Amino acid sequence: MRLRPWQRLRKRREFNRERGIGLRYECPPFLCRVLPPMDPTARPCRRLGVIASKRVGNAICRNRCKRLLREVFRLNQEALPEHCDVIFVARKDLLETPLAELEARFRDAAQRAVKRWARQKDSPPPSEA
């Protein structure tokens, strides 16, 4: 099943908010950022944004990287909470990595994000002094 239009991050402000919040997971072939949703009252869905700079290669390589990362997300999005955004930043060696390994690394990052959010919910709020 294809990704629907509402499942894609497209606006600059959606990508820029990643710098301040979210969980960052560095995998050698890509960087994965898992973010809480901007608007939790919106339709429950997981959204994806992909960044591939010119350091990755020419346009053909960049587009291939984006297609691979979209496929990894499409096949494994159930590993994430219902409301979250994922931003992938492609690295140079992404095209040399097999799809199965990319999927395993994404699932690992998703599991770590879910565990970390669960710990944050369980922790008591900071005391006011």
C-alpha atoms as a PDB file:
ATOM      1  CA  MET A   1       0.000   0.000   0.000  1.00  0.00           C
ATOM      2  CA  ARG A   2       1.302   3.431  -0.931  1.00  0.00           C
ATOM      3  CA  LEU A   3       1.912   6.207   1.523  1.00  0.00           C
ATOM      4  CA  ARG A   4      -1.029   8.582   1.524  1.00  0.00           C
ATOM      5  CA  PRO A   5      -0.441  12.334   1.055  1.00  0.00           C
ATOM      6  CA  TRP A   6      -1.256  13.069   4.706  1.00  0.00           C
ATOM      7  CA  GLN A   7       1.522  10.651   5.738  1.00  0.00           C
ATOM      8  CA  ARG A   8       4.274  12.867   4.334  1.00  0.00           C
ATOM      9  CA  LEU A   9       6.054  15.807   5.911  1.00  0.00           C
ATOM     10  CA  ARG A  10       6.368  18.490   3.278  1.00  0.00           C
ATOM     11  CA  LYS A  11       6.477  21.902   4.922  1.00  0.00           C
ATOM     12  CA  ARG A  12       9.675  23.532   6.051  1.00  0.00           C
ATOM     13  CA  ARG A  13       8.372  24.196   9.565  1.00  0.00           C
ATOM     14  CA  GLU A  14       7.636  20.485  10.009  1.00  0.00           C
ATOM     15  CA  PHE A  15      11.250  19.648   9.207  1.00  0.00           C
ATOM     16  CA  ASN A  16      12.713  22.544  11.221  1.00  0.00           C
ATOM     17  CA  ARG A  17      10.954  21.618  14.447  1.00  0.00           C
ATOM     18  CA  GLU A  18      12.994  18.401  14.544  1.00  0.00           C
ATOM     19  CA  ARG A  19      16.019  20.288  15.843  1.00  0.00           C
ATOM     20  CA  GLY A  20      14.476  21.185  19.171  1.00  0.00           C
ATOM     21  CA  ILE A  21      12.444  18.108  20.025  1.00  0.00           C
ATOM     22  CA  GLY A  22      12.327  14.456  19.203  1.00  0.00           C
ATOM     23  CA  LEU A  23      14.533  11.463  19.669  1.00  0.00           C
ATOM     24  CA  ARG A  24      17.625  11.076  17.503  1.00  0.00           C
ATOM     25  CA  TYR A  25      19.015   7.680  16.518  1.00  0.00           C
ATOM     26  CA  GLU A  26      22.223   7.510  14.533  1.00  0.00           C
ATOM     27  CA  CYS A  27      22.432   4.439  12.353  1.00  0.00           C
ATOM     28  CA  PRO A  28      25.458   4.261  10.048  1.00  0.00           C
ATOM     29  CA  PRO A  29      23.450   4.318   6.770  1.00  0.00           C
ATOM     30  CA  PHE A  30      20.953   6.953   7.961  1.00  0.00           C
ATOM     31  CA  LEU A  31      19.900   9.219  10.792  1.00  0.00           C
ATOM     32  CA  CYS A  32      16.427   8.655  12.195  1.00  0.00           C
ATOM     33  CA  ARG A  33      14.501  11.256  14.182  1.00  0.00           C
ATOM     34  CA  VAL A  34      11.263  10.236  15.850  1.00  0.00           C
ATOM     35  CA  LEU A  35       9.071  13.164  16.870  1.00  0.00           C
ATOM     36  CA  PRO A  36       5.805  13.555  18.721  1.00  0.00           C
ATOM     37  CA  PRO A  37       3.045  14.944  16.481  1.00  0.00           C
ATOM     38  CA  MET A  38       2.587  18.682  15.994  1.00  0.00           C
ATOM     39  CA  ASP A  39      -1.176  18.464  16.402  1.00  0.00           C
ATOM     40  CA  PRO A  40      -2.299  15.501  18.539  1.00  0.00           C
ATOM     41  CA  THR A  41      -5.954  16.297  17.780  1.00  0.00           C
ATOM     42  CA  ALA A  42      -5.408  15.596  14.072  1.00  0.00           C
ATOM     43  CA  ARG A  43      -6.067  12.276  12.392  1.00  0.00           C
ATOM     44  CA  PRO A  44      -4.009   9.506  14.013  1.00  0.00           C
ATOM     45  CA  CYS A  45      -1.281   8.623  11.565  1.00  0.00           C
ATOM     46  CA  ARG A  46       2.435   8.160  11.310  1.00  0.00           C
ATOM     47  CA  ARG A  47       4.116  10.663   9.005  1.00  0.00           C
ATOM     48  CA  LEU A  48       7.426  10.527   7.166  1.00  0.00           C
ATOM     49  CA  GLY A  49       9.940  13.066   5.936  1.00  0.00           C
ATOM     50  CA  VAL A  50      13.110  12.200   4.009  1.00  0.00           C
ATOM     51  CA  ILE A  51      16.187  14.378   3.534  1.00  0.00           C
ATOM     52  CA  ALA A  52      18.913  13.468   1.045  1.00  0.00           C
ATOM     53  CA  SER A  53      21.521  16.163   0.486  1.00  0.00           C
ATOM     54  CA  LYS A  54      23.977  16.449  -2.377  1.00  0.00           C
ATOM     55  CA  ARG A  55      26.614  14.770  -0.203  1.00  0.00           C
ATOM     56  CA  VAL A  56      24.749  11.501  -0.823  1.00  0.00           C
ATOM     57  CA  GLY A  57      25.391  11.700  -4.545  1.00  0.00           C
ATOM     58  CA  ASN A  58      23.830  12.889  -7.762  1.00  0.00           C
ATOM     59  CA  ALA A  59      20.069  13.152  -8.320  1.00  0.00           C
ATOM     60  CA  ILE A  60      19.747   9.495  -9.277  1.00  0.00           C
ATOM     61  CA  CYS A  61      21.405   8.368  -6.023  1.00  0.00           C
ATOM     62  CA  ARG A  62      19.398  10.802  -3.899  1.00  0.00           C
ATOM     63  CA  ASN A  63      16.102   9.665  -5.394  1.00  0.00           C
ATOM     64  CA  ARG A  64      17.035   6.010  -4.934  1.00  0.00           C
ATOM     65  CA  CYS A  65      17.876   6.702  -1.268  1.00  0.00           C
ATOM     66  CA  LYS A  66      14.533   8.417  -0.746  1.00  0.00           C
ATOM     67  CA  ARG A  67      12.666   5.511  -2.345  1.00  0.00           C
ATOM     68  CA  LEU A  68      14.499   3.003  -0.132  1.00  0.00           C
ATOM     69  CA  LEU A  69      13.777   4.946   3.052  1.00  0.00           C
ATOM     70  CA  ARG A  70      10.105   5.381   2.132  1.00  0.00           C
ATOM     71  CA  GLU A  71       9.879   1.633   1.575  1.00  0.00           C
ATOM     72  CA  VAL A  72      11.522   0.900   4.934  1.00  0.00           C
ATOM     73  CA  PHE A  73       8.993   3.181   6.619  1.00  0.00           C
ATOM     74  CA  ARG A  74       6.034   1.744   4.705  1.00  0.00           C
ATOM     75  CA  LEU A  75       6.896  -1.845   5.614  1.00  0.00           C
ATOM     76  CA  ASN A  76       7.667  -1.180   9.296  1.00  0.00           C
ATOM     77  CA  GLN A  77       5.512   1.742  10.380  1.00  0.00           C
ATOM     78  CA  GLU A  78       3.481  -0.451  12.759  1.00  0.00           C
ATOM     79  CA  ALA A  79       6.511  -0.509  15.085  1.00  0.00           C
ATOM     80  CA  LEU A  80       5.864   3.165  15.895  1.00  0.00           C
ATOM     81  CA  PRO A  81       3.182   4.739  18.090  1.00  0.00           C
ATOM     82  CA  GLU A  82      -0.002   5.835  16.294  1.00  0.00           C
ATOM     83  CA  HIS A  83       0.808   9.559  16.557  1.00  0.00           C
ATOM     84  CA  CYS A  84       4.386  10.311  15.554  1.00  0.00           C
ATOM     85  CA  ASP A  85       6.551  11.775  12.830  1.00  0.00           C
ATOM     86  CA  VAL A  86       9.735  10.211  11.457  1.00  0.00           C
ATOM     87  CA  ILE A  87      12.465  12.084   9.637  1.00  0.00           C
ATOM     88  CA  PHE A  88      15.179  10.145   7.832  1.00  0.00           C
ATOM     89  CA  VAL A  89      18.436  11.789   6.786  1.00  0.00           C
ATOM     90  CA  ALA A  90      20.215   9.671   4.189  1.00  0.00           C
ATOM     91  CA  ARG A  91      23.946   9.034   4.496  1.00  0.00           C
ATOM     92  CA  LYS A  92      26.476   8.210   1.788  1.00  0.00           C
ATOM     93  CA  ASP A  93      26.631   4.439   2.344  1.00  0.00           C
ATOM     94  CA  LEU A  94      22.851   3.919   2.287  1.00  0.00           C
ATOM     95  CA  LEU A  95      22.795   2.468  -1.220  1.00  0.00           C
ATOM     96  CA  GLU A  96      25.388  -0.157  -0.288  1.00  0.00           C
ATOM     97  CA  THR A  97      23.305  -1.446   2.638  1.00  0.00           C
ATOM     98  CA  PRO A  98      20.800  -4.279   2.008  1.00  0.00           C
ATOM     99  CA  LEU A  99      17.128  -3.509   2.534  1.00  0.00           C
ATOM    100  CA  ALA A 100      16.801  -6.154   5.273  1.00  0.00           C
ATOM    101  CA  GLU A 101      19.524  -4.444   7.323  1.00  0.00           C
ATOM    102  CA  LEU A 102      17.905  -1.029   6.828  1.00  0.00           C
ATOM    103  CA  GLU A 103      14.615  -2.446   8.077  1.00  0.00           C
ATOM    104  CA  ALA A 104      16.277  -4.017  11.121  1.00  0.00           C
ATOM    105  CA  ARG A 105      17.983  -0.743  12.030  1.00  0.00           C
ATOM    106  CA  PHE A 106      14.718   1.192  11.678  1.00  0.00           C
ATOM    107  CA  ARG A 107      12.816  -1.315  13.837  1.00  0.00           C
ATOM    108  CA  ASP A 108      15.531  -1.060  16.474  1.00  0.00           C
ATOM    109  CA  ALA A 109      15.294   2.754  16.476  1.00  0.00           C
ATOM    110  CA  ALA A 110      11.488   2.555  16.699  1.00  0.00           C
ATOM    111  CA  GLN A 111      11.649   0.171  19.663  1.00  0.00           C
ATOM    112  CA  ARG A 112      14.122   2.429  21.465  1.00  0.00           C
ATOM    113  CA  ALA A 113      11.849   5.436  20.845  1.00  0.00           C
ATOM    114  CA  VAL A 114       8.775   3.620  22.191  1.00  0.00           C
ATOM    115  CA  LYS A 115      10.678   2.535  25.322  1.00  0.00           C
ATOM    116  CA  ARG A 116      12.028   6.029  25.898  1.00  0.00           C
ATOM    117  CA  TRP A 117       8.589   7.634  25.558  1.00  0.00           C
ATOM    118  CA  ALA A 118       7.163   5.062  27.967  1.00  0.00           C
ATOM    119  CA  ARG A 119       9.860   5.955  30.532  1.00  0.00           C
ATOM    120  CA  GLN A 120       9.136   9.677  30.087  1.00  0.00           C
ATOM    121  CA  LYS A 121       5.417   9.095  30.725  1.00  0.00           C
ATOM    122  CA  ASP A 122       6.135   7.021  33.840  1.00  0.00           C
ATOM    123  CA  SER A 123       8.594   9.473  35.345  1.00  0.00           C
ATOM    124  CA  PRO A 124       7.148  11.969  37.831  1.00  0.00           C
ATOM    125  CA  PRO A 125       6.866  15.600  36.724  1.00  0.00           C
ATOM    126  CA  PRO A 126       9.695  17.887  37.862  1.00  0.00           C
ATOM    127  CA  SER A 127       9.095  19.445  41.264  1.00  0.00           C
ATOM    128  CA  GLU A 128       8.685  23.181  41.426  1.00  0.00           C
ATOM    129  CA  ALA A 129      11.073  24.987  43.740  1.00  0.00           C
END
